[in-house]
Amino acid sequence: MNRRYLILAMLLALVSSCTGSGQRQGPDKGETWRALHVLNYKTDKALEKFSLKIPELAEKGINVLILEVDYNFDFKSHPELRMKQYITKEGARKFAAVCRENDIRLVPQFQCVGHQSWAEHTFTLLTVYPELDLTPGYDMKNEELYCREWDIMNPRVYEIVFPLIDEIMEAFEADAIHVGMDEVFLLGTEHSPTTKGMNTAELYAKAVNDIYAHLVTARGWEMLMWADRFIDGEKIDLGKWESSENGMAPAIDMVPKDIVMCPWHYSKRDSYESLPVFLEKGFRILPSSWHDVEAGKALITYSLGLDNSAMLGHLFTTWGRGRDDIANYPPVKENIGLLKD
């Protein structure tokens, strides 16, 4: 990794932590974020049906909605990357209007770097442009690897991807975006010709900073991301999914501090040691739970007990659960009352 790049990345992180560049406080200044993450709403019809639930979600207290879009959009810059099921600009605008009417901040999500495939299915970026695959030619049936990743060293990736994100943000009239970036495993491995043997923390920081430069520095949007790669699995025993066990964690000191970090912890624990680490480093955080009601309650209780203004609130993830009655999704129904301002 270029030493000059590393120094510049660390300076960028330092300046950001001092100036608070690009920071926003959430739905209203000082208001607790009561956020919900959803996916698999891939068409206008699905969004229209979902919009009927928005008033009830707002009544429950949800004030931030993270909607995973990815390649399910009617792209004009690169129509070849549109999935078979997709949301149109008109559909996005209508859904955004419903969210605004109910005082819910809508945050689109576009999975960056990792999660470019699921099971045997590789998504459109790497099927249309296989030269952008981080591990070209390796395990093309996806039988051994978890998810394919794009090549962070190839500038052509961002020439294609950034216009896609711009279209999604413009259509949903959003001022914040979640970029995913969880569970990245292939950087620096022997299967990656462009990154083999390189420092994984520096590689990951490069990816984060390149994306940040477009989204925050150039566009002025707020950037959220999953935080698992910044958690040192050698110091906090969480396993290779919930934390990093391949040397990637030092990237936490190489990225801007105004990124909203979303550390996800889905099991019930006596303490959640990652949260103080992010707070001490100067990040705002949005801890994230899943379907286990008691685990979510433990995480919320622990996070609120830290009594830190950088603790924005809580993010309830669904990962396909509760879709038929999302307003009564048990973790939200049972635990949102803990998040009073």
Protein backbone atom coordinates (compact mmCIF):
# COMPACT_ATOMS: atom_id res chain seq x y z
CA MET A 1 0.00 0.00 0.00
CA ASN A 2 1.32 3.46 -0.91
CA ARG A 3 2.71 5.06 2.29
CA ARG A 4 1.66 8.52 1.13
CA TYR A 5 -1.92 7.29 0.74
CA LEU A 6 -1.92 5.90 4.28
CA ILE A 7 -0.70 9.22 5.73
CA LEU A 8 -3.33 11.16 3.79
CA ALA A 9 -6.06 8.78 4.94
CA MET A 10 -5.07 9.22 8.58
CA LEU A 11 -4.99 13.01 8.17
CA LEU A 12 -8.45 12.90 6.63
CA ALA A 13 -9.73 10.97 9.63
CA LEU A 14 -8.10 13.45 12.04
CA VAL A 15 -9.49 16.52 10.28
CA SER A 16 -12.95 14.99 10.16
CA SER A 17 -12.94 14.24 13.87
CA CYS A 18 -11.99 17.83 14.64
CA THR A 19 -14.34 19.62 12.30
CA GLY A 20 -17.37 17.33 12.34
CA SER A 21 -17.57 17.75 8.57
CA GLY A 22 -20.88 16.63 7.12
CA GLN A 23 -22.44 15.70 10.46
CA ARG A 24 -26.16 15.74 11.02
CA GLN A 25 -27.97 14.86 14.22
CA GLY A 26 -30.76 12.66 12.91
CA PRO A 27 -34.50 13.25 12.45
CA ASP A 28 -34.28 16.33 14.68
CA LYS A 29 -31.28 17.63 16.54
CA GLY A 30 -30.88 15.62 19.70
CA GLU A 31 -33.76 13.25 18.91
CA THR A 32 -33.15 9.55 19.39
CA TRP A 33 -32.92 7.56 16.17
CA ARG A 34 -35.46 4.74 16.19
CA ALA A 35 -34.48 3.07 12.96
CA LEU A 36 -35.71 0.09 10.98
CA HIS A 37 -33.76 -1.71 8.24
CA VAL A 38 -35.77 -3.54 5.55
CA LEU A 39 -35.02 -5.32 2.29
CA ASN A 40 -36.78 -7.27 -0.49
CA TYR A 41 -39.08 -4.40 -1.47
CA LYS A 42 -37.88 -4.54 -5.06
CA THR A 43 -40.72 -3.05 -7.16
CA ASP A 44 -43.03 -0.05 -7.21
CA LYS A 45 -45.92 -2.34 -6.30
CA ALA A 46 -44.05 -3.67 -3.27
CA LEU A 47 -43.20 -0.15 -2.13
CA GLU A 48 -46.77 0.99 -2.66
CA LYS A 49 -48.01 -1.84 -0.45
CA PHE A 50 -45.31 -1.10 2.12
CA SER A 51 -46.28 2.58 2.17
CA LEU A 52 -49.61 1.59 3.72
CA LYS A 53 -47.66 0.46 6.79
CA ILE A 54 -45.62 3.64 7.14
CA PRO A 55 -48.19 5.59 9.23
CA GLU A 56 -48.39 2.72 11.70
CA LEU A 57 -44.59 2.45 11.90
CA ALA A 58 -44.43 6.17 12.60
CA GLU A 59 -47.09 5.81 15.29
CA LYS A 60 -44.96 3.08 16.92
CA GLY A 61 -42.07 5.56 17.00
CA ILE A 62 -39.93 4.65 13.97
CA ASN A 63 -38.32 7.84 12.62
CA VAL A 64 -35.57 6.42 10.36
CA LEU A 65 -36.10 3.81 7.65
CA ILE A 66 -33.14 2.17 5.90
CA LEU A 67 -34.35 0.66 2.63
CA GLU A 68 -31.95 -1.72 0.88
CA VAL A 69 -32.16 -1.03 -2.86
CA ASP A 70 -28.91 -2.33 -4.39
CA TYR A 71 -29.38 -3.16 -8.10
CA ASN A 72 -33.19 -3.25 -7.94
CA PHE A 73 -33.58 0.15 -9.60
CA ASP A 74 -34.42 1.45 -13.05
CA PHE A 75 -30.96 2.81 -13.77
CA LYS A 76 -30.58 5.18 -16.70
CA SER A 77 -26.80 5.57 -16.50
CA HIS A 78 -26.27 1.81 -16.70
CA PRO A 79 -29.55 0.08 -17.58
CA GLU A 80 -27.64 -3.15 -18.14
CA LEU A 81 -27.17 -3.39 -14.35
CA ARG A 82 -30.86 -3.23 -13.53
CA MET A 83 -32.17 -6.42 -11.89
CA LYS A 84 -35.27 -8.12 -13.28
CA GLN A 85 -37.31 -6.64 -10.44
CA TYR A 86 -36.78 -2.93 -10.01
CA ILE A 87 -38.06 0.33 -8.56
CA THR A 88 -38.70 3.28 -10.88
CA LYS A 89 -37.92 6.90 -10.13
CA GLU A 90 -41.64 7.61 -9.89
CA GLY A 91 -42.14 4.75 -7.43
CA ALA A 92 -39.22 5.97 -5.33
CA ARG A 93 -40.58 9.54 -5.26
CA LYS A 94 -44.03 8.37 -4.14
CA PHE A 95 -42.59 6.25 -1.34
CA ALA A 96 -40.28 9.04 -0.21
CA ALA A 97 -43.25 11.41 -0.02
CA VAL A 98 -45.12 9.01 2.28
CA CYS A 99 -42.09 8.77 4.55
CA ARG A 100 -41.78 12.59 4.71
CA GLU A 101 -45.46 12.98 5.50
CA ASN A 102 -44.93 10.69 8.48
CA ASP A 103 -41.70 12.34 9.69
CA ILE A 104 -39.57 9.32 8.82
CA ARG A 105 -36.10 9.92 7.43
CA LEU A 106 -35.61 7.62 4.45
CA VAL A 107 -32.07 6.25 3.97
CA PRO A 108 -31.45 4.09 0.87
CA GLN A 109 -28.85 1.33 1.10
CA PHE A 110 -26.49 0.21 -1.64
CA GLN A 111 -24.18 -2.67 -0.76
CA CYS A 112 -20.59 -1.64 -1.48
CA VAL A 113 -17.51 -3.86 -1.94
CA GLY A 114 -18.93 -7.09 -0.48
CA HIS A 115 -22.25 -8.87 -0.90
CA GLN A 116 -21.99 -8.79 -4.69
CA SER A 117 -23.51 -12.27 -4.78
CA TRP A 118 -25.71 -14.51 -2.67
CA ALA A 119 -25.41 -18.29 -2.76
CA GLU A 120 -24.95 -19.32 -6.41
CA HIS A 121 -26.30 -16.03 -7.75
CA THR A 122 -23.77 -13.33 -8.66
CA PHE A 123 -25.36 -9.90 -8.98
CA THR A 124 -25.34 -7.73 -12.06
CA LEU A 125 -22.18 -5.65 -11.56
CA LEU A 126 -19.90 -8.68 -11.67
CA THR A 127 -21.89 -10.68 -14.20
CA VAL A 128 -22.00 -7.82 -16.73
CA TYR A 129 -18.47 -6.65 -15.89
CA PRO A 130 -16.57 -9.74 -14.68
CA GLU A 131 -13.29 -7.84 -14.99
CA LEU A 132 -14.36 -5.85 -11.90
CA ASP A 133 -14.44 -8.99 -9.73
CA LEU A 134 -11.86 -8.93 -6.91
CA THR A 135 -11.25 -12.67 -7.38
CA PRO A 136 -11.68 -13.22 -11.13
CA GLY A 137 -11.97 -16.85 -12.14
CA TYR A 138 -12.09 -18.09 -8.55
CA ASP A 139 -14.99 -20.35 -7.53
CA MET A 140 -17.36 -19.04 -10.18
CA LYS A 141 -20.19 -21.23 -8.84
CA ASN A 142 -19.77 -19.53 -5.42
CA GLU A 143 -19.50 -22.86 -3.64
CA GLU A 144 -16.57 -22.01 -1.35
CA LEU A 145 -16.62 -18.24 -0.93
CA TYR A 146 -19.26 -16.39 1.10
CA CYS A 147 -20.06 -13.44 -1.19
CA ARG A 148 -18.20 -12.02 -4.16
CA GLU A 149 -16.54 -8.61 -3.81
CA TRP A 150 -15.69 -5.89 -6.29
CA ASP A 151 -12.09 -4.92 -7.01
CA ILE A 152 -11.38 -1.86 -4.87
CA MET A 153 -8.18 -1.21 -6.84
CA ASN A 154 -9.96 -0.81 -10.18
CA PRO A 155 -11.13 2.81 -10.70
CA ARG A 156 -13.60 1.60 -13.31
CA VAL A 157 -15.72 0.21 -10.45
CA TYR A 158 -16.51 3.68 -9.15
CA GLU A 159 -16.96 5.17 -12.61
CA ILE A 160 -19.87 2.76 -12.87
CA VAL A 161 -21.13 2.49 -9.29
CA PHE A 162 -21.18 6.15 -8.26
CA PRO A 163 -23.68 7.15 -10.99
CA LEU A 164 -25.92 4.30 -9.81
CA ILE A 165 -25.86 5.60 -6.25
CA ASP A 166 -26.46 9.16 -7.45
CA GLU A 167 -29.58 8.02 -9.30
CA ILE A 168 -30.95 6.19 -6.26
CA MET A 169 -30.31 9.16 -3.97
CA GLU A 170 -31.91 11.62 -6.37
CA ALA A 171 -34.97 9.42 -6.88
CA PHE A 172 -35.57 8.91 -3.16
CA GLU A 173 -34.70 12.56 -2.43
CA ALA A 174 -32.41 11.34 0.35
CA ASP A 175 -29.64 13.09 2.27
CA ALA A 176 -28.05 9.97 3.78
CA ILE A 177 -27.05 6.55 2.49
CA HIS A 178 -26.08 3.25 4.05
CA VAL A 179 -23.21 1.61 2.13
CA GLY A 180 -23.19 -1.82 3.79
CA MET A 181 -19.55 -2.99 3.65
CA ASP A 182 -20.01 -5.80 6.17
CA GLU A 183 -18.48 -9.26 6.12
CA VAL A 184 -15.65 -8.44 3.70
CA PHE A 185 -13.28 -11.41 3.60
CA LEU A 186 -11.45 -11.54 0.24
CA LEU A 187 -9.24 -8.44 0.36
CA GLY A 188 -5.57 -9.37 0.50
CA THR A 189 -6.14 -13.08 -0.07
CA GLU A 190 -4.29 -15.28 -2.54
CA HIS A 191 -7.36 -15.30 -4.77
CA SER A 192 -7.16 -11.53 -5.39
CA PRO A 193 -4.54 -10.62 -8.02
CA THR A 194 -4.64 -6.89 -7.25
CA THR A 195 -4.49 -7.08 -3.43
CA LYS A 196 -2.74 -10.39 -2.65
CA GLY A 197 -0.50 -10.12 0.40
CA MET A 198 -1.29 -6.46 1.07
CA ASN A 199 -2.28 -4.98 4.44
CA THR A 200 -5.99 -5.67 4.87
CA ALA A 201 -6.64 -2.69 7.16
CA GLU A 202 -5.11 -0.30 4.64
CA LEU A 203 -7.06 -1.92 1.83
CA TYR A 204 -10.35 -1.65 3.68
CA ALA A 205 -9.64 1.95 4.69
CA LYS A 206 -8.92 2.79 1.05
CA ALA A 207 -12.31 1.40 0.04
CA VAL A 208 -14.10 3.34 2.78
CA ASN A 209 -12.28 6.58 1.99
CA ASP A 210 -12.82 6.33 -1.77
CA ILE A 211 -16.55 5.91 -1.22
CA TYR A 212 -16.64 8.64 1.44
CA ALA A 213 -14.93 11.08 -0.93
CA HIS A 214 -17.81 10.82 -3.39
CA LEU A 215 -20.74 10.54 -1.00
CA VAL A 216 -19.76 12.97 1.76
CA THR A 217 -17.00 15.22 0.46
CA ALA A 218 -18.39 15.72 -3.04
CA ARG A 219 -22.13 15.27 -2.46
CA GLY A 220 -22.58 16.34 1.16
CA TRP A 221 -24.60 13.27 2.12
CA GLU A 222 -24.36 11.45 5.42
CA MET A 223 -22.77 7.99 5.28
CA LEU A 224 -23.76 5.00 7.39
CA MET A 225 -22.12 1.58 7.31
CA TRP A 226 -21.99 -1.73 9.14
CA ALA A 227 -19.13 -1.71 11.64
CA ASP A 228 -18.07 -5.35 11.98
CA ARG A 229 -14.79 -5.00 10.05
CA PHE A 230 -13.56 -2.36 12.52
CA ILE A 231 -14.02 -4.63 15.56
CA ASP A 232 -10.86 -6.48 16.55
CA GLY A 233 -11.77 -10.15 16.89
CA GLU A 234 -8.45 -10.83 18.60
CA LYS A 235 -9.46 -8.56 21.51
CA ILE A 236 -13.22 -9.08 21.56
CA ASP A 237 -14.38 -12.66 21.09
CA LEU A 238 -17.22 -12.28 18.59
CA GLY A 239 -16.18 -14.58 15.76
CA LYS A 240 -15.17 -13.79 12.20
CA TRP A 241 -18.60 -12.49 11.11
CA GLU A 242 -19.37 -10.04 13.89
CA SER A 243 -15.76 -8.88 14.08
CA SER A 244 -12.56 -8.97 12.03
CA GLU A 245 -10.07 -11.78 12.49
CA ASN A 246 -7.89 -10.99 9.47
CA GLY A 247 -6.11 -7.81 10.52
CA MET A 248 -8.69 -5.38 9.16
CA ALA A 249 -9.67 -3.73 12.46
CA PRO A 250 -6.88 -1.06 12.52
CA ALA A 251 -8.74 0.62 9.65
CA ILE A 252 -10.82 2.24 12.40
CA ASP A 253 -8.04 4.83 12.78
CA MET A 254 -7.78 5.49 9.03
CA VAL A 255 -11.32 6.64 8.17
CA PRO A 256 -13.32 9.83 8.84
CA LYS A 257 -15.04 10.09 12.21
CA ASP A 258 -18.32 11.49 10.87
CA ILE A 259 -19.33 8.14 9.37
CA VAL A 260 -22.23 6.68 11.35
CA MET A 261 -21.11 3.24 12.48
CA CYS A 262 -23.70 0.47 12.86
CA PRO A 263 -22.21 -2.32 15.00
CA TRP A 264 -24.56 -5.30 14.83
CA HIS A 265 -24.87 -7.71 17.72
CA TYR A 266 -27.62 -10.29 17.47
CA SER A 267 -26.97 -12.43 20.56
CA LYS A 268 -27.73 -11.60 24.18
CA ARG A 269 -24.61 -10.65 26.15
CA ASP A 270 -23.79 -9.17 29.52
CA SER A 271 -21.83 -6.41 27.81
CA TYR A 272 -21.13 -5.19 24.28
CA GLU A 273 -17.47 -4.20 24.33
CA SER A 274 -17.37 -2.84 20.79
CA LEU A 275 -19.63 0.10 21.60
CA PRO A 276 -17.25 1.94 23.98
CA VAL A 277 -14.43 1.44 21.47
CA PHE A 278 -16.31 3.32 18.73
CA LEU A 279 -17.35 6.06 21.15
CA GLU A 280 -13.80 6.50 22.43
CA LYS A 281 -12.58 6.78 18.84
CA GLY A 282 -15.02 9.66 18.24
CA PHE A 283 -17.69 7.97 16.10
CA ARG A 284 -21.44 8.32 16.36
CA ILE A 285 -22.96 4.86 16.51
CA LEU A 286 -26.27 3.17 15.81
CA PRO A 287 -26.19 -0.27 17.48
CA SER A 288 -28.20 -2.87 15.58
CA SER A 289 -30.18 -5.91 16.71
CA TRP A 290 -32.20 -8.57 14.87
CA HIS A 291 -35.14 -10.86 15.70
CA ASP A 292 -34.24 -11.96 19.23
CA VAL A 293 -36.33 -9.69 21.46
CA GLU A 294 -34.34 -10.31 24.64
CA ALA A 295 -31.01 -9.83 22.84
CA GLY A 296 -32.29 -6.54 21.43
CA LYS A 297 -33.43 -5.41 24.85
CA ALA A 298 -30.02 -6.21 26.33
CA LEU A 299 -28.22 -4.27 23.59
CA ILE A 300 -30.47 -1.23 23.92
CA THR A 301 -30.18 -1.23 27.72
CA TYR A 302 -26.40 -1.51 27.59
CA SER A 303 -26.03 1.21 24.94
CA LEU A 304 -28.25 3.66 26.79
CA GLY A 305 -26.33 2.95 29.99
CA LEU A 306 -23.20 4.40 28.37
CA ASP A 307 -24.93 7.81 28.52
CA ASN A 308 -23.11 9.30 25.54
CA SER A 309 -24.56 11.85 23.12
CA ALA A 310 -22.80 10.04 20.25
CA MET A 311 -25.12 7.07 20.88
CA LEU A 312 -27.70 7.98 18.25
CA GLY A 313 -30.33 5.39 19.15
CA HIS A 314 -30.99 1.93 17.79
CA LEU A 315 -31.44 0.10 14.49
CA PHE A 316 -33.85 -2.83 14.26
CA THR A 317 -32.91 -5.13 11.39
CA THR A 318 -35.38 -7.60 9.86
CA TRP A 319 -33.50 -9.68 7.25
CA GLY A 320 -36.77 -10.89 5.80
CA ARG A 321 -38.63 -11.47 9.06
CA GLY A 322 -41.89 -9.77 9.97
CA ARG A 323 -42.65 -8.70 6.43
CA ASP A 324 -46.36 -9.60 6.54
CA ASP A 325 -46.98 -7.43 9.60
CA ILE A 326 -43.96 -5.18 9.79
CA ALA A 327 -45.57 -2.66 12.14
CA ASN A 328 -45.93 -5.41 14.73
CA TYR A 329 -42.48 -6.94 14.21
CA PRO A 330 -41.83 -8.28 17.75
CA PRO A 331 -38.44 -6.61 18.40
CA VAL A 332 -39.90 -3.20 17.51
CA LYS A 333 -43.18 -3.77 19.29
CA GLU A 334 -41.51 -4.94 22.49
CA ASN A 335 -38.40 -2.75 22.65
CA ILE A 336 -39.02 0.58 20.96
CA GLY A 337 -40.46 1.93 24.19
CA LEU A 338 -36.95 1.79 25.69
CA LEU A 339 -35.82 4.45 23.22
CA LYS A 340 -37.66 7.44 24.61
CA ASP A 341 -35.93 10.81 24.21
